[in-house]
């Protein structure tokens, strides 16, 4: 199945992020196609999915509490990703 990578850039509202983090992680943990996710040092996050298309992931992320509660995600990108090399490439 194809891979899709999403990135979040957070707003500076850390209080809102802290308040919603538990429900955000619970929601992401319920997604079957999510392979990896976690925060970055650039006040954002990376999420890697096995999914049919970027549009499929967009629909999932539209329901993420970090997205539905304003003031947390300032910018989001979702792109298809062709895994070619690396130690995990054979898992694709």
PDB file of N, CA and C in Angstrom:
ATOM      1  N   UNK A   1       0.845  -1.179   0.000  1.00  0.00           N
ATOM      2  CA  UNK A   1       0.000   0.000   0.000  1.00  0.00           C
ATOM      3  C   UNK A   1       0.890   1.241   0.000  1.00  0.00           C
ATOM      4  N   UNK A   2       0.468   2.278  -0.691  1.00  0.00           N
ATOM      5  CA  UNK A   2       1.260   3.518  -0.764  1.00  0.00           C
ATOM      6  C   UNK A   2       1.393   4.189   0.605  1.00  0.00           C
ATOM      7  N   UNK A   3       2.432   5.000   0.713  1.00  0.00           N
ATOM      8  CA  UNK A   3       2.663   5.775   1.927  1.00  0.00           C
ATOM      9  C   UNK A   3       2.291   7.230   1.700  1.00  0.00           C
ATOM     10  N   UNK A   4       1.855   7.853   2.769  1.00  0.00           N
ATOM     11  CA  UNK A   4       1.497   9.265   2.762  1.00  0.00           C
ATOM     12  C   UNK A   4       2.134   9.892   4.001  1.00  0.00           C
ATOM     13  N   UNK A   5       2.756  11.053   3.813  1.00  0.00           N
ATOM     14  CA  UNK A   5       3.374  11.773   4.918  1.00  0.00           C
ATOM     15  C   UNK A   5       2.625  13.087   5.127  1.00  0.00           C
ATOM     16  N   UNK A   6       2.300  13.338   6.380  1.00  0.00           N
ATOM     17  CA  UNK A   6       1.666  14.602   6.753  1.00  0.00           C
ATOM     18  C   UNK A   6       2.588  15.342   7.712  1.00  0.00           C
ATOM     19  N   UNK A   7       2.596  16.642   7.591  1.00  0.00           N
ATOM     20  CA  UNK A   7       3.326  17.465   8.555  1.00  0.00           C
ATOM     21  C   UNK A   7       2.369  18.498   9.124  1.00  0.00           C
ATOM     22  N   UNK A   8       2.561  18.781  10.390  1.00  0.00           N
ATOM     23  CA  UNK A   8       1.840  19.850  11.068  1.00  0.00           C
ATOM     24  C   UNK A   8       2.850  20.908  11.477  1.00  0.00           C
ATOM     25  N   UNK A   9       2.466  22.159  11.360  1.00  0.00           N
ATOM     26  CA  UNK A   9       3.180  23.278  11.980  1.00  0.00           C
ATOM     27  C   UNK A   9       2.205  23.858  12.995  1.00  0.00           C
ATOM     28  N   UNK A  10       2.622  23.890  14.246  1.00  0.00           N
ATOM     29  CA  UNK A  10       1.745  24.353  15.313  1.00  0.00           C
ATOM     30  C   UNK A  10       1.797  25.869  15.473  1.00  0.00           C
ATOM     31  N   UNK A  11       0.707  26.410  16.014  1.00  0.00           N
ATOM     32  CA  UNK A  11       0.702  27.806  16.422  1.00  0.00           C
ATOM     33  C   UNK A  11       1.490  27.916  17.728  1.00  0.00           C
ATOM     34  N   UNK A  12       1.641  29.090  18.216  1.00  0.00           N
ATOM     35  CA  UNK A  12       2.376  29.300  19.468  1.00  0.00           C
ATOM     36  C   UNK A  12       1.514  29.057  20.706  1.00  0.00           C
ATOM     37  N   UNK A  13       0.264  28.673  20.532  1.00  0.00           N
ATOM     38  CA  UNK A  13      -0.654  28.468  21.652  1.00  0.00           C
ATOM     39  C   UNK A  13      -0.407  27.110  22.314  1.00  0.00           C
ATOM     40  N   UNK A  14       0.625  27.052  23.145  1.00  0.00           N
ATOM     41  CA  UNK A  14       0.983  25.786  23.791  1.00  0.00           C
ATOM     42  C   UNK A  14      -0.065  25.356  24.814  1.00  0.00           C
ATOM     43  N   UNK A  15      -0.782  26.292  25.405  1.00  0.00           N
ATOM     44  CA  UNK A  15      -1.825  25.929  26.366  1.00  0.00           C
ATOM     45  C   UNK A  15      -2.934  25.140  25.681  1.00  0.00           C
ATOM     46  N   UNK A  16      -3.351  25.567  24.496  1.00  0.00           N
ATOM     47  CA  UNK A  16      -4.375  24.839  23.743  1.00  0.00           C
ATOM     48  C   UNK A  16      -3.858  23.452  23.363  1.00  0.00           C
ATOM     49  N   UNK A  17      -2.616  23.377  22.931  1.00  0.00           N
ATOM     50  CA  UNK A  17      -2.009  22.095  22.562  1.00  0.00           C
ATOM     51  C   UNK A  17      -1.982  21.148  23.754  1.00  0.00           C
ATOM     52  N   UNK A  18      -1.558  21.648  24.907  1.00  0.00           N
ATOM     53  CA  UNK A  18      -1.504  20.833  26.115  1.00  0.00           C
ATOM     54  C   UNK A  18      -2.892  20.330  26.511  1.00  0.00           C
ATOM     55  N   UNK A  19      -3.896  21.184  26.361  1.00  0.00           N
ATOM     56  CA  UNK A  19      -5.259  20.833  26.765  1.00  0.00           C
ATOM     57  C   UNK A  19      -5.862  19.736  25.895  1.00  0.00           C
ATOM     58  N   UNK A  20      -5.457  19.648  24.646  1.00  0.00           N
ATOM     59  CA  UNK A  20      -6.071  18.723  23.689  1.00  0.00           C
ATOM     60  C   UNK A  20      -5.180  17.511  23.402  1.00  0.00           C
ATOM     61  N   UNK A  21      -3.943  17.523  23.875  1.00  0.00           N
ATOM     62  CA  UNK A  21      -2.971  16.484  23.523  1.00  0.00           C
ATOM     63  C   UNK A  21      -3.480  15.060  23.782  1.00  0.00           C
ATOM     64  N   UNK A  22      -4.102  14.812  24.907  1.00  0.00           N
ATOM     65  CA  UNK A  22      -4.550  13.447  25.223  1.00  0.00           C
ATOM     66  C   UNK A  22      -5.572  12.949  24.206  1.00  0.00           C
ATOM     67  N   UNK A  23      -6.542  13.780  23.850  1.00  0.00           N
ATOM     68  CA  UNK A  23      -7.551  13.340  22.869  1.00  0.00           C
ATOM     69  C   UNK A  23      -6.940  13.232  21.474  1.00  0.00           C
ATOM     70  N   UNK A  24      -5.977  14.093  21.161  1.00  0.00           N
ATOM     71  CA  UNK A  24      -5.254  14.009  19.886  1.00  0.00           C
ATOM     72  C   UNK A  24      -4.532  12.672  19.777  1.00  0.00           C
ATOM     73  N   UNK A  25      -3.804  12.295  20.811  1.00  0.00           N
ATOM     74  CA  UNK A  25      -3.059  11.034  20.784  1.00  0.00           C
ATOM     75  C   UNK A  25      -3.997   9.832  20.790  1.00  0.00           C
ATOM     76  N   UNK A  26      -5.094   9.917  21.514  1.00  0.00           N
ATOM     77  CA  UNK A  26      -6.076   8.831  21.502  1.00  0.00           C
ATOM     78  C   UNK A  26      -6.649   8.657  20.103  1.00  0.00           C
ATOM     79  N   UNK A  27      -6.989   9.769  19.459  1.00  0.00           N
ATOM     80  CA  UNK A  27      -7.534   9.698  18.099  1.00  0.00           C
ATOM     81  C   UNK A  27      -6.516   9.082  17.138  1.00  0.00           C
ATOM     82  N   UNK A  28      -5.289   9.597  17.147  1.00  0.00           N
ATOM     83  CA  UNK A  28      -4.276   9.054  16.239  1.00  0.00           C
ATOM     84  C   UNK A  28      -4.032   7.580  16.519  1.00  0.00           C
ATOM     85  N   UNK A  29      -4.034   7.189  17.776  1.00  0.00           N
ATOM     86  CA  UNK A  29      -3.824   5.795  18.137  1.00  0.00           C
ATOM     87  C   UNK A  29      -4.909   4.868  17.629  1.00  0.00           C
ATOM     88  N   UNK A  30      -6.055   5.402  17.304  1.00  0.00           N
ATOM     89  CA  UNK A  30      -7.165   4.592  16.795  1.00  0.00           C
ATOM     90  C   UNK A  30      -7.103   4.379  15.284  1.00  0.00           C
ATOM     91  N   UNK A  31      -6.168   5.050  14.603  1.00  0.00           N
ATOM     92  CA  UNK A  31      -6.103   4.980  13.138  1.00  0.00           C
ATOM     93  C   UNK A  31      -5.258   3.785  12.693  1.00  0.00           C
ATOM     94  N   UNK A  32      -5.874   2.853  11.989  1.00  0.00           N
ATOM     95  CA  UNK A  32      -5.178   1.643  11.546  1.00  0.00           C
ATOM     96  C   UNK A  32      -4.015   1.926  10.617  1.00  0.00           C
ATOM     97  N   UNK A  33      -4.122   2.934   9.780  1.00  0.00           N
ATOM     98  CA  UNK A  33      -3.089   3.193   8.786  1.00  0.00           C
ATOM     99  C   UNK A  33      -1.899   4.004   9.277  1.00  0.00           C
ATOM    100  N   UNK A  34      -1.943   4.497  10.504  1.00  0.00           N
ATOM    101  CA  UNK A  34      -0.848   5.312  11.015  1.00  0.00           C
ATOM    102  C   UNK A  34       0.337   4.419  11.374  1.00  0.00           C
ATOM    103  N   UNK A  35       1.480   4.669  10.741  1.00  0.00           N
ATOM    104  CA  UNK A  35       2.689   3.895  11.007  1.00  0.00           C
ATOM    105  C   UNK A  35       3.552   4.539  12.076  1.00  0.00           C
ATOM    106  N   UNK A  36       3.745   5.840  11.989  1.00  0.00           N
ATOM    107  CA  UNK A  36       4.602   6.587  12.908  1.00  0.00           C
ATOM    108  C   UNK A  36       4.052   7.992  13.058  1.00  0.00           C
ATOM    109  N   UNK A  37       4.240   8.567  14.223  1.00  0.00           N
ATOM    110  CA  UNK A  37       3.938   9.989  14.391  1.00  0.00           C
ATOM    111  C   UNK A  37       4.685  10.508  15.605  1.00  0.00           C
ATOM    112  N   UNK A  38       4.922  11.799  15.594  1.00  0.00           N
ATOM    113  CA  UNK A  38       5.554  12.408  16.746  1.00  0.00           C
ATOM    114  C   UNK A  38       5.917  13.848  16.478  1.00  0.00           C
ATOM    115  N   UNK A  39       6.147  14.591  17.571  1.00  0.00           N
ATOM    116  CA  UNK A  39       6.484  16.003  17.436  1.00  0.00           C
ATOM    117  C   UNK A  39       7.908  16.193  16.922  1.00  0.00           C
ATOM    118  N   UNK A  40       8.127  17.347  16.324  1.00  0.00           N
ATOM    119  CA  UNK A  40       9.454  17.718  15.840  1.00  0.00           C
ATOM    120  C   UNK A  40      10.007  18.853  16.690  1.00  0.00           C
ATOM    121  N   UNK A  41      11.280  19.119  16.519  1.00  0.00           N
ATOM    122  CA  UNK A  41      11.910  20.222  17.249  1.00  0.00           C
ATOM    123  C   UNK A  41      11.539  21.585  16.664  1.00  0.00           C
ATOM    124  N   UNK A  42      10.781  21.595  15.592  1.00  0.00           N
ATOM    125  CA  UNK A  42      10.380  22.845  14.933  1.00  0.00           C
ATOM    126  C   UNK A  42       8.929  23.199  15.232  1.00  0.00           C
ATOM    127  N   UNK A  43       8.438  22.824  16.420  1.00  0.00           N
ATOM    128  CA  UNK A  43       7.061  23.119  16.825  1.00  0.00           C
ATOM    129  C   UNK A  43       6.054  22.605  15.806  1.00  0.00           C
ATOM    130  N   UNK A  44       6.155  21.329  15.530  1.00  0.00           N
ATOM    131  CA  UNK A  44       5.243  20.688  14.611  1.00  0.00           C
ATOM    132  C   UNK A  44       5.283  19.191  14.815  1.00  0.00           C
ATOM    133  N   UNK A  45       4.842  18.451  13.811  1.00  0.00           N
ATOM    134  CA  UNK A  45       4.828  16.995  13.901  1.00  0.00           C
ATOM    135  C   UNK A  45       4.925  16.396  12.506  1.00  0.00           C
ATOM    136  N   UNK A  46       5.354  15.136  12.478  1.00  0.00           N
ATOM    137  CA  UNK A  46       5.380  14.339  11.256  1.00  0.00           C
ATOM    138  C   UNK A  46       4.540  13.096  11.515  1.00  0.00           C
ATOM    139  N   UNK A  47       3.707  12.748  10.541  1.00  0.00           N
ATOM    140  CA  UNK A  47       2.856  11.568  10.632  1.00  0.00           C
ATOM    141  C   UNK A  47       3.022  10.773   9.344  1.00  0.00           C
ATOM    142  N   UNK A  48       3.263   9.478   9.454  1.00  0.00           N
ATOM    143  CA  UNK A  48       3.463   8.617   8.290  1.00  0.00           C
ATOM    144  C   UNK A  48       2.350   7.573   8.281  1.00  0.00           C
ATOM    145  N   UNK A  49       1.691   7.467   7.142  1.00  0.00           N
ATOM    146  CA  UNK A  49       0.550   6.564   6.991  1.00  0.00           C
ATOM    147  C   UNK A  49       0.761   5.575   5.849  1.00  0.00           C
ATOM    148  N   UNK A  50       0.132   4.422   5.965  1.00  0.00           N
ATOM    149  CA  UNK A  50      -0.158   3.577   4.812  1.00  0.00           C
ATOM    150  C   UNK A  50      -1.588   3.940   4.435  1.00  0.00           C
ATOM    151  N   UNK A  51      -1.758   4.449   3.234  1.00  0.00           N
ATOM    152  CA  UNK A  51      -3.081   4.925   2.829  1.00  0.00           C
ATOM    153  C   UNK A  51      -3.191   4.908   1.321  1.00  0.00           C
ATOM    154  N   UNK A  52      -4.397   4.910   0.843  1.00  0.00           N
ATOM    155  CA  UNK A  52      -4.630   4.886  -0.587  1.00  0.00           C
ATOM    156  C   UNK A  52      -4.215   6.156  -1.295  1.00  0.00           C
ATOM    157  N   UNK A  53      -4.379   7.299  -0.611  1.00  0.00           N
ATOM    158  CA  UNK A  53      -4.068   8.573  -1.260  1.00  0.00           C
ATOM    159  C   UNK A  53      -3.927   9.667  -0.208  1.00  0.00           C
ATOM    160  N   UNK A  54      -3.309  10.786  -0.596  1.00  0.00           N
ATOM    161  CA  UNK A  54      -3.276  11.940   0.304  1.00  0.00           C
ATOM    162  C   UNK A  54      -4.680  12.405   0.702  1.00  0.00           C
ATOM    163  N   UNK A  55      -5.632  12.306  -0.208  1.00  0.00           N
ATOM    164  CA  UNK A  55      -7.001  12.731   0.113  1.00  0.00           C
ATOM    165  C   UNK A  55      -7.584  11.880   1.239  1.00  0.00           C
ATOM    166  N   UNK A  56      -7.266  10.580   1.253  1.00  0.00           N
ATOM    167  CA  UNK A  56      -7.735   9.708   2.331  1.00  0.00           C
ATOM    168  C   UNK A  56      -7.184  10.176   3.678  1.00  0.00           C
ATOM    169  N   UNK A  57      -5.907  10.549   3.707  1.00  0.00           N
ATOM    170  CA  UNK A  57      -5.284  11.014   4.946  1.00  0.00           C
ATOM    171  C   UNK A  57      -5.830  12.381   5.339  1.00  0.00           C
ATOM    172  N   UNK A  58      -6.038  13.256   4.368  1.00  0.00           N
ATOM    173  CA  UNK A  58      -6.639  14.569   4.654  1.00  0.00           C
ATOM    174  C   UNK A  58      -7.960  14.380   5.393  1.00  0.00           C
ATOM    175  N   UNK A  59      -8.786  13.444   4.927  1.00  0.00           N
ATOM    176  CA  UNK A  59     -10.083  13.203   5.563  1.00  0.00           C
ATOM    177  C   UNK A  59      -9.907  12.730   7.006  1.00  0.00           C
ATOM    178  N   UNK A  60      -8.936  11.858   7.245  1.00  0.00           N
ATOM    179  CA  UNK A  60      -8.667  11.403   8.614  1.00  0.00           C
ATOM    180  C   UNK A  60      -8.202  12.549   9.498  1.00  0.00           C
ATOM    181  N   UNK A  61      -7.296  13.360   8.980  1.00  0.00           N
ATOM    182  CA  UNK A  61      -6.733  14.442   9.778  1.00  0.00           C
ATOM    183  C   UNK A  61      -7.737  15.565  10.029  1.00  0.00           C
ATOM    184  N   UNK A  62      -8.722  15.691   9.166  1.00  0.00           N
ATOM    185  CA  UNK A  62      -9.766  16.696   9.401  1.00  0.00           C
ATOM    186  C   UNK A  62     -10.509  16.438  10.709  1.00  0.00           C
ATOM    187  N   UNK A  63     -10.488  15.189  11.191  1.00  0.00           N
ATOM    188  CA  UNK A  63     -11.166  14.835  12.442  1.00  0.00           C
ATOM    189  C   UNK A  63     -10.219  14.799  13.648  1.00  0.00           C
ATOM    190  N   UNK A  64      -8.941  15.069  13.449  1.00  0.00           N
ATOM    191  CA  UNK A  64      -7.964  15.088  14.538  1.00  0.00           C
ATOM    192  C   UNK A  64      -8.320  16.227  15.494  1.00  0.00           C
ATOM    193  N   UNK A  65      -8.403  15.958  16.791  1.00  0.00           N
ATOM    194  CA  UNK A  65      -8.697  17.034  17.732  1.00  0.00           C
ATOM    195  C   UNK A  65      -7.738  18.230  17.641  1.00  0.00           C
ATOM    196  N   UNK A  66      -6.498  18.009  17.237  1.00  0.00           N
ATOM    197  CA  UNK A  66      -5.593  19.143  17.042  1.00  0.00           C
ATOM    198  C   UNK A  66      -6.057  20.029  15.881  1.00  0.00           C
ATOM    199  N   UNK A  67      -6.838  19.477  14.965  1.00  0.00           N
ATOM    200  CA  UNK A  67      -7.359  20.257  13.837  1.00  0.00           C
ATOM    201  C   UNK A  67      -8.735  20.830  14.170  1.00  0.00           C
ATOM    202  N   UNK A  68      -9.570  20.032  14.835  1.00  0.00           N
ATOM    203  CA  UNK A  68     -10.934  20.486  15.104  1.00  0.00           C
ATOM    204  C   UNK A  68     -11.009  21.546  16.195  1.00  0.00           C
ATOM    205  N   UNK A  69     -10.013  21.579  17.076  1.00  0.00           N
ATOM    206  CA  UNK A  69      -9.945  22.620  18.103  1.00  0.00           C
ATOM    207  C   UNK A  69      -9.007  23.708  17.584  1.00  0.00           C
ATOM    208  N   UNK A  70      -9.533  24.868  17.292  1.00  0.00           N
ATOM    209  CA  UNK A  70      -8.739  25.939  16.710  1.00  0.00           C
ATOM    210  C   UNK A  70      -7.553  26.346  17.565  1.00  0.00           C
ATOM    211  N   UNK A  71      -6.574  26.938  16.916  1.00  0.00           N
ATOM    212  CA  UNK A  71      -5.437  27.478  17.620  1.00  0.00           C
ATOM    213  C   UNK A  71      -4.285  26.527  17.837  1.00  0.00           C
ATOM    214  N   UNK A  72      -4.317  25.355  17.181  1.00  0.00           N
ATOM    215  CA  UNK A  72      -3.237  24.389  17.387  1.00  0.00           C
ATOM    216  C   UNK A  72      -2.437  24.156  16.110  1.00  0.00           C
ATOM    217  N   UNK A  73      -3.099  23.803  15.010  1.00  0.00           N
ATOM    218  CA  UNK A  73      -2.407  23.538  13.747  1.00  0.00           C
ATOM    219  C   UNK A  73      -2.522  24.770  12.856  1.00  0.00           C
ATOM    220  N   UNK A  74      -1.384  25.403  12.614  1.00  0.00           N
ATOM    221  CA  UNK A  74      -1.359  26.593  11.763  1.00  0.00           C
ATOM    222  C   UNK A  74      -1.272  26.220  10.296  1.00  0.00           C
ATOM    223  N   UNK A  75      -0.582  25.115  10.013  1.00  0.00           N
ATOM    224  CA  UNK A  75      -0.361  24.699   8.626  1.00  0.00           C
ATOM    225  C   UNK A  75      -0.225  23.190   8.590  1.00  0.00           C
ATOM    226  N   UNK A  76      -0.744  22.600   7.516  1.00  0.00           N
ATOM    227  CA  UNK A  76      -0.673  21.158   7.338  1.00  0.00           C
ATOM    228  C   UNK A  76      -0.335  20.853   5.887  1.00  0.00           C
ATOM    229  N   UNK A  77       0.554  19.893   5.676  1.00  0.00           N
ATOM    230  CA  UNK A  77       0.814  19.389   4.329  1.00  0.00           C
ATOM    231  C   UNK A  77       0.588  17.885   4.349  1.00  0.00           C
ATOM    232  N   UNK A  78       0.108  17.366   3.245  1.00  0.00           N
ATOM    233  CA  UNK A  78      -0.121  15.927   3.103  1.00  0.00           C
ATOM    234  C   UNK A  78       0.301  15.553   1.686  1.00  0.00           C
ATOM    235  N   UNK A  79       1.295  14.650   1.588  1.00  0.00           N
ATOM    236  CA  UNK A  79       1.831  14.275   0.284  1.00  0.00           C
ATOM    237  C   UNK A  79       2.045  12.768   0.197  1.00  0.00           C
ATOM    238  N   UNK A  80       1.950  12.245  -1.022  1.00  0.00           N
ATOM    239  CA  UNK A  80       2.305  10.848  -1.264  1.00  0.00           C
ATOM    240  C   UNK A  80       3.813  10.710  -1.160  1.00  0.00           C
ATOM    241  N   UNK A  81       4.266   9.530  -0.738  1.00  0.00           N
ATOM    242  CA  UNK A  81       5.700   9.305  -0.518  1.00  0.00           C
ATOM    243  C   UNK A  81       6.070   7.949  -1.071  1.00  0.00           C
ATOM    244  N   UNK A  82       7.010   7.925  -1.989  1.00  0.00           N
ATOM    245  CA  UNK A  82       7.529   6.679  -2.549  1.00  0.00           C
ATOM    246  C   UNK A  82       8.775   6.283  -1.766  1.00  0.00           C
ATOM    247  N   UNK A  83       8.666   5.220  -0.997  1.00  0.00           N
ATOM    248  CA  UNK A  83       9.803   4.738  -0.217  1.00  0.00           C
ATOM    249  C   UNK A  83      10.710   3.949  -1.153  1.00  0.00           C
ATOM    250  N   UNK A  84      11.985   4.347  -1.240  1.00  0.00           N
ATOM    251  CA  UNK A  84      12.925   3.719  -2.166  1.00  0.00           C
ATOM    252  C   UNK A  84      14.084   3.055  -1.426  1.00  0.00           C
ATOM    253  N   UNK A  85      14.679   3.763  -0.493  1.00  0.00           N
ATOM    254  CA  UNK A  85      15.868   3.264   0.202  1.00  0.00           C
ATOM    255  C   UNK A  85      15.716   3.387   1.713  1.00  0.00           C
ATOM    256  N   UNK A  86      16.542   2.644   2.418  1.00  0.00           N
ATOM    257  CA  UNK A  86      16.579   2.734   3.872  1.00  0.00           C
ATOM    258  C   UNK A  86      16.295   1.392   4.503  1.00  0.00           C
ATOM    259  N   UNK A  87      16.608   1.298   5.787  1.00  0.00           N
ATOM    260  CA  UNK A  87      16.447   0.028   6.496  1.00  0.00           C
ATOM    261  C   UNK A  87      15.011  -0.419   6.563  1.00  0.00           C
ATOM    262  N   UNK A  88      14.070   0.501   6.513  1.00  0.00           N
ATOM    263  CA  UNK A  88      12.670   0.132   6.577  1.00  0.00           C
ATOM    264  C   UNK A  88      12.010   0.019   5.204  1.00  0.00           C
ATOM    265  N   UNK A  89      12.761   0.256   4.151  1.00  0.00           N
ATOM    266  CA  UNK A  89      12.183   0.240   2.803  1.00  0.00           C
ATOM    267  C   UNK A  89      11.555  -1.110   2.475  1.00  0.00           C
ATOM    268  N   UNK A  90      12.129  -2.191   2.965  1.00  0.00           N
ATOM    269  CA  UNK A  90      11.583  -3.520   2.660  1.00  0.00           C
ATOM    270  C   UNK A  90      10.270  -3.784   3.401  1.00  0.00           C
ATOM    271  N   UNK A  91       9.910  -2.938   4.325  1.00  0.00           N
ATOM    272  CA  UNK A  91       8.630  -3.085   5.036  1.00  0.00           C
ATOM    273  C   UNK A  91       7.496  -2.440   4.262  1.00  0.00           C
ATOM    274  N   UNK A  92       7.807  -1.781   3.180  1.00  0.00           N
ATOM    275  CA  UNK A  92       6.780  -1.076   2.400  1.00  0.00           C
ATOM    276  C   UNK A  92       6.004  -2.023   1.531  1.00  0.00           C
TER     277      UNK A  92
END
